[in-house]
N, C-alpha and C. Protein backbone atom coordinates (compact mmCIF):
# COMPACT_ATOMS: atom_id res chain seq x y z
N UNK A 1 -19.51 9.72 3.31
CA UNK A 1 -19.83 8.78 2.26
C UNK A 1 -18.76 7.70 2.22
N UNK A 2 -19.17 6.46 2.19
CA UNK A 2 -18.24 5.35 2.15
C UNK A 2 -17.96 4.98 0.70
N UNK A 3 -16.69 4.89 0.36
CA UNK A 3 -16.31 4.53 -0.99
C UNK A 3 -16.25 3.02 -1.18
N UNK A 4 -16.09 2.63 -2.43
CA UNK A 4 -15.97 1.20 -2.70
C UNK A 4 -14.50 0.79 -2.74
N UNK A 5 -14.22 -0.36 -2.18
CA UNK A 5 -12.87 -0.89 -2.12
C UNK A 5 -12.96 -2.40 -2.14
N UNK A 6 -12.49 -3.00 -3.21
CA UNK A 6 -12.50 -4.46 -3.34
C UNK A 6 -11.13 -4.90 -3.81
N UNK A 7 -10.73 -6.08 -3.34
CA UNK A 7 -9.46 -6.61 -3.81
C UNK A 7 -9.61 -8.10 -4.09
N UNK A 8 -8.72 -8.58 -4.94
CA UNK A 8 -8.72 -9.99 -5.29
C UNK A 8 -7.26 -10.44 -5.31
N UNK A 9 -6.99 -11.52 -4.62
CA UNK A 9 -5.65 -12.07 -4.52
C UNK A 9 -5.68 -13.46 -5.15
N UNK A 10 -4.89 -13.64 -6.21
CA UNK A 10 -4.84 -14.92 -6.91
C UNK A 10 -3.42 -15.46 -6.92
N UNK A 11 -3.32 -16.77 -6.91
CA UNK A 11 -2.03 -17.42 -7.03
C UNK A 11 -1.46 -17.82 -5.69
N UNK A 12 -0.24 -18.33 -5.75
CA UNK A 12 0.47 -18.71 -4.54
C UNK A 12 1.97 -18.79 -4.86
N UNK A 13 2.75 -18.95 -3.85
CA UNK A 13 4.20 -19.01 -4.05
C UNK A 13 4.76 -17.72 -4.62
N UNK A 14 5.53 -17.86 -5.69
CA UNK A 14 6.17 -16.69 -6.30
C UNK A 14 5.29 -16.00 -7.34
N UNK A 15 4.13 -16.55 -7.62
CA UNK A 15 3.26 -15.99 -8.65
C UNK A 15 1.94 -15.54 -8.03
N UNK A 16 1.95 -14.36 -7.46
CA UNK A 16 0.75 -13.81 -6.81
C UNK A 16 0.32 -12.56 -7.56
N UNK A 17 -0.95 -12.47 -7.82
CA UNK A 17 -1.51 -11.30 -8.49
C UNK A 17 -2.49 -10.64 -7.54
N UNK A 18 -2.31 -9.35 -7.32
CA UNK A 18 -3.21 -8.57 -6.48
C UNK A 18 -3.93 -7.56 -7.36
N UNK A 19 -5.24 -7.65 -7.37
CA UNK A 19 -6.06 -6.69 -8.11
C UNK A 19 -6.87 -5.87 -7.14
N UNK A 20 -6.87 -4.55 -7.31
CA UNK A 20 -7.62 -3.66 -6.41
C UNK A 20 -8.54 -2.79 -7.24
N UNK A 21 -9.80 -2.78 -6.88
CA UNK A 21 -10.78 -1.90 -7.50
C UNK A 21 -11.30 -0.96 -6.42
N UNK A 22 -11.13 0.35 -6.65
CA UNK A 22 -11.62 1.32 -5.69
C UNK A 22 -12.06 2.58 -6.41
N UNK A 23 -12.92 3.31 -5.77
CA UNK A 23 -13.38 4.57 -6.35
C UNK A 23 -12.49 5.71 -5.85
N UNK A 24 -12.77 6.90 -6.33
CA UNK A 24 -11.93 8.05 -5.98
C UNK A 24 -12.00 8.41 -4.50
N UNK A 25 -13.13 8.14 -3.86
CA UNK A 25 -13.25 8.42 -2.43
C UNK A 25 -12.26 7.56 -1.65
N UNK A 26 -12.21 6.26 -1.96
CA UNK A 26 -11.28 5.36 -1.28
C UNK A 26 -9.84 5.68 -1.64
N UNK A 27 -9.58 6.03 -2.89
CA UNK A 27 -8.21 6.37 -3.30
C UNK A 27 -7.71 7.59 -2.53
N UNK A 28 -8.55 8.59 -2.40
CA UNK A 28 -8.15 9.79 -1.66
C UNK A 28 -7.96 9.48 -0.17
N UNK A 29 -8.79 8.60 0.37
CA UNK A 29 -8.65 8.22 1.78
C UNK A 29 -7.34 7.47 2.00
N UNK A 30 -6.97 6.58 1.09
CA UNK A 30 -5.70 5.88 1.21
C UNK A 30 -4.52 6.84 1.09
N UNK A 31 -4.65 7.81 0.21
CA UNK A 31 -3.58 8.80 0.08
C UNK A 31 -3.43 9.60 1.37
N UNK A 32 -4.54 9.93 2.02
CA UNK A 32 -4.45 10.63 3.31
C UNK A 32 -3.85 9.74 4.38
N UNK A 33 -4.19 8.46 4.35
CA UNK A 33 -3.64 7.51 5.32
C UNK A 33 -2.12 7.50 5.28
N UNK A 34 -1.56 7.68 4.10
CA UNK A 34 -0.11 7.71 3.93
C UNK A 34 0.54 8.75 4.84
N UNK A 35 -0.16 9.84 5.09
CA UNK A 35 0.39 10.91 5.94
C UNK A 35 0.50 10.51 7.40
N UNK A 36 -0.29 9.53 7.83
CA UNK A 36 -0.29 9.12 9.24
C UNK A 36 0.70 8.00 9.54
N UNK A 37 1.25 7.41 8.49
CA UNK A 37 2.19 6.30 8.67
C UNK A 37 3.60 6.86 8.84
N UNK A 38 4.29 6.42 9.85
CA UNK A 38 5.67 6.84 10.08
C UNK A 38 6.60 5.91 9.29
N UNK A 39 6.89 6.30 8.06
CA UNK A 39 7.70 5.46 7.19
C UNK A 39 9.13 5.32 7.71
N UNK A 40 9.63 6.33 8.36
CA UNK A 40 10.99 6.23 8.93
C UNK A 40 11.02 5.15 10.00
N UNK A 41 9.99 5.08 10.83
CA UNK A 41 9.93 4.03 11.85
C UNK A 41 9.81 2.65 11.21
N UNK A 42 9.01 2.55 10.16
CA UNK A 42 8.85 1.26 9.49
C UNK A 42 10.18 0.81 8.89
N UNK A 43 10.88 1.71 8.24
CA UNK A 43 12.17 1.35 7.64
C UNK A 43 13.19 0.97 8.71
N UNK A 44 13.13 1.63 9.87
CA UNK A 44 14.03 1.27 10.96
C UNK A 44 13.70 -0.14 11.47
N UNK A 45 12.41 -0.44 11.59
CA UNK A 45 11.99 -1.75 12.07
C UNK A 45 12.33 -2.87 11.09
N UNK A 46 12.42 -2.52 9.81
CA UNK A 46 12.68 -3.55 8.79
C UNK A 46 14.12 -3.54 8.29
N UNK A 47 15.01 -2.88 9.02
CA UNK A 47 16.39 -2.78 8.54
C UNK A 47 17.07 -4.14 8.39
N UNK A 48 16.63 -5.15 9.13
CA UNK A 48 17.20 -6.49 9.00
C UNK A 48 16.36 -7.39 8.10
N UNK A 49 15.40 -6.81 7.42
CA UNK A 49 14.53 -7.57 6.53
C UNK A 49 14.39 -6.79 5.21
N UNK A 50 15.35 -6.94 4.31
CA UNK A 50 15.36 -6.13 3.09
C UNK A 50 14.10 -6.28 2.23
N UNK A 51 13.52 -7.48 2.20
CA UNK A 51 12.31 -7.66 1.40
C UNK A 51 11.15 -6.85 1.97
N UNK A 52 11.01 -6.84 3.29
CA UNK A 52 9.94 -6.06 3.92
C UNK A 52 10.19 -4.56 3.74
N UNK A 53 11.45 -4.15 3.83
CA UNK A 53 11.78 -2.74 3.63
C UNK A 53 11.44 -2.31 2.21
N UNK A 54 11.76 -3.15 1.25
CA UNK A 54 11.45 -2.84 -0.15
C UNK A 54 9.93 -2.76 -0.36
N UNK A 55 9.21 -3.72 0.24
CA UNK A 55 7.75 -3.71 0.12
C UNK A 55 7.16 -2.44 0.74
N UNK A 56 7.70 -2.01 1.87
CA UNK A 56 7.22 -0.78 2.52
C UNK A 56 7.47 0.43 1.63
N UNK A 57 8.64 0.48 1.01
CA UNK A 57 8.94 1.60 0.10
C UNK A 57 7.99 1.62 -1.08
N UNK A 58 7.69 0.44 -1.65
CA UNK A 58 6.78 0.37 -2.79
C UNK A 58 5.36 0.76 -2.38
N UNK A 59 4.93 0.31 -1.20
CA UNK A 59 3.60 0.68 -0.72
C UNK A 59 3.50 2.18 -0.52
N UNK A 60 4.53 2.78 0.04
CA UNK A 60 4.57 4.23 0.23
C UNK A 60 4.42 4.94 -1.12
N UNK A 61 5.13 4.46 -2.13
CA UNK A 61 5.07 5.05 -3.46
C UNK A 61 3.66 4.93 -4.04
N UNK A 62 3.05 3.78 -3.89
CA UNK A 62 1.68 3.58 -4.41
C UNK A 62 0.71 4.53 -3.73
N UNK A 63 0.80 4.64 -2.42
CA UNK A 63 -0.12 5.53 -1.70
C UNK A 63 0.09 6.98 -2.11
N UNK A 64 1.34 7.37 -2.36
CA UNK A 64 1.60 8.74 -2.81
C UNK A 64 0.99 8.97 -4.20
N UNK A 65 1.07 7.99 -5.07
CA UNK A 65 0.51 8.15 -6.42
C UNK A 65 -1.01 8.22 -6.40
N UNK A 66 -1.64 7.57 -5.42
CA UNK A 66 -3.08 7.67 -5.32
C UNK A 66 -3.53 9.09 -5.02
N UNK A 67 -2.67 9.86 -4.38
CA UNK A 67 -3.01 11.23 -4.03
C UNK A 67 -2.83 12.23 -5.15
N UNK A 68 -2.32 11.77 -6.27
CA UNK A 68 -2.07 12.69 -7.40
C UNK A 68 -3.25 12.78 -8.32
């Protein structure tokens, strides 16, 4: 069964708003996806880019919370 997943990105520059609407099927699928991502490798690749490293850490946290 395919779940619903929609997003809306508004704004530009420093004022960007991301809205995501998804059902429980998609939320659980994203939480499972988190298990396949090598976060240690991503953090190693972004060690010279602190903003990207921070964004990766926040994304990891969001995906973990979707699984709860």
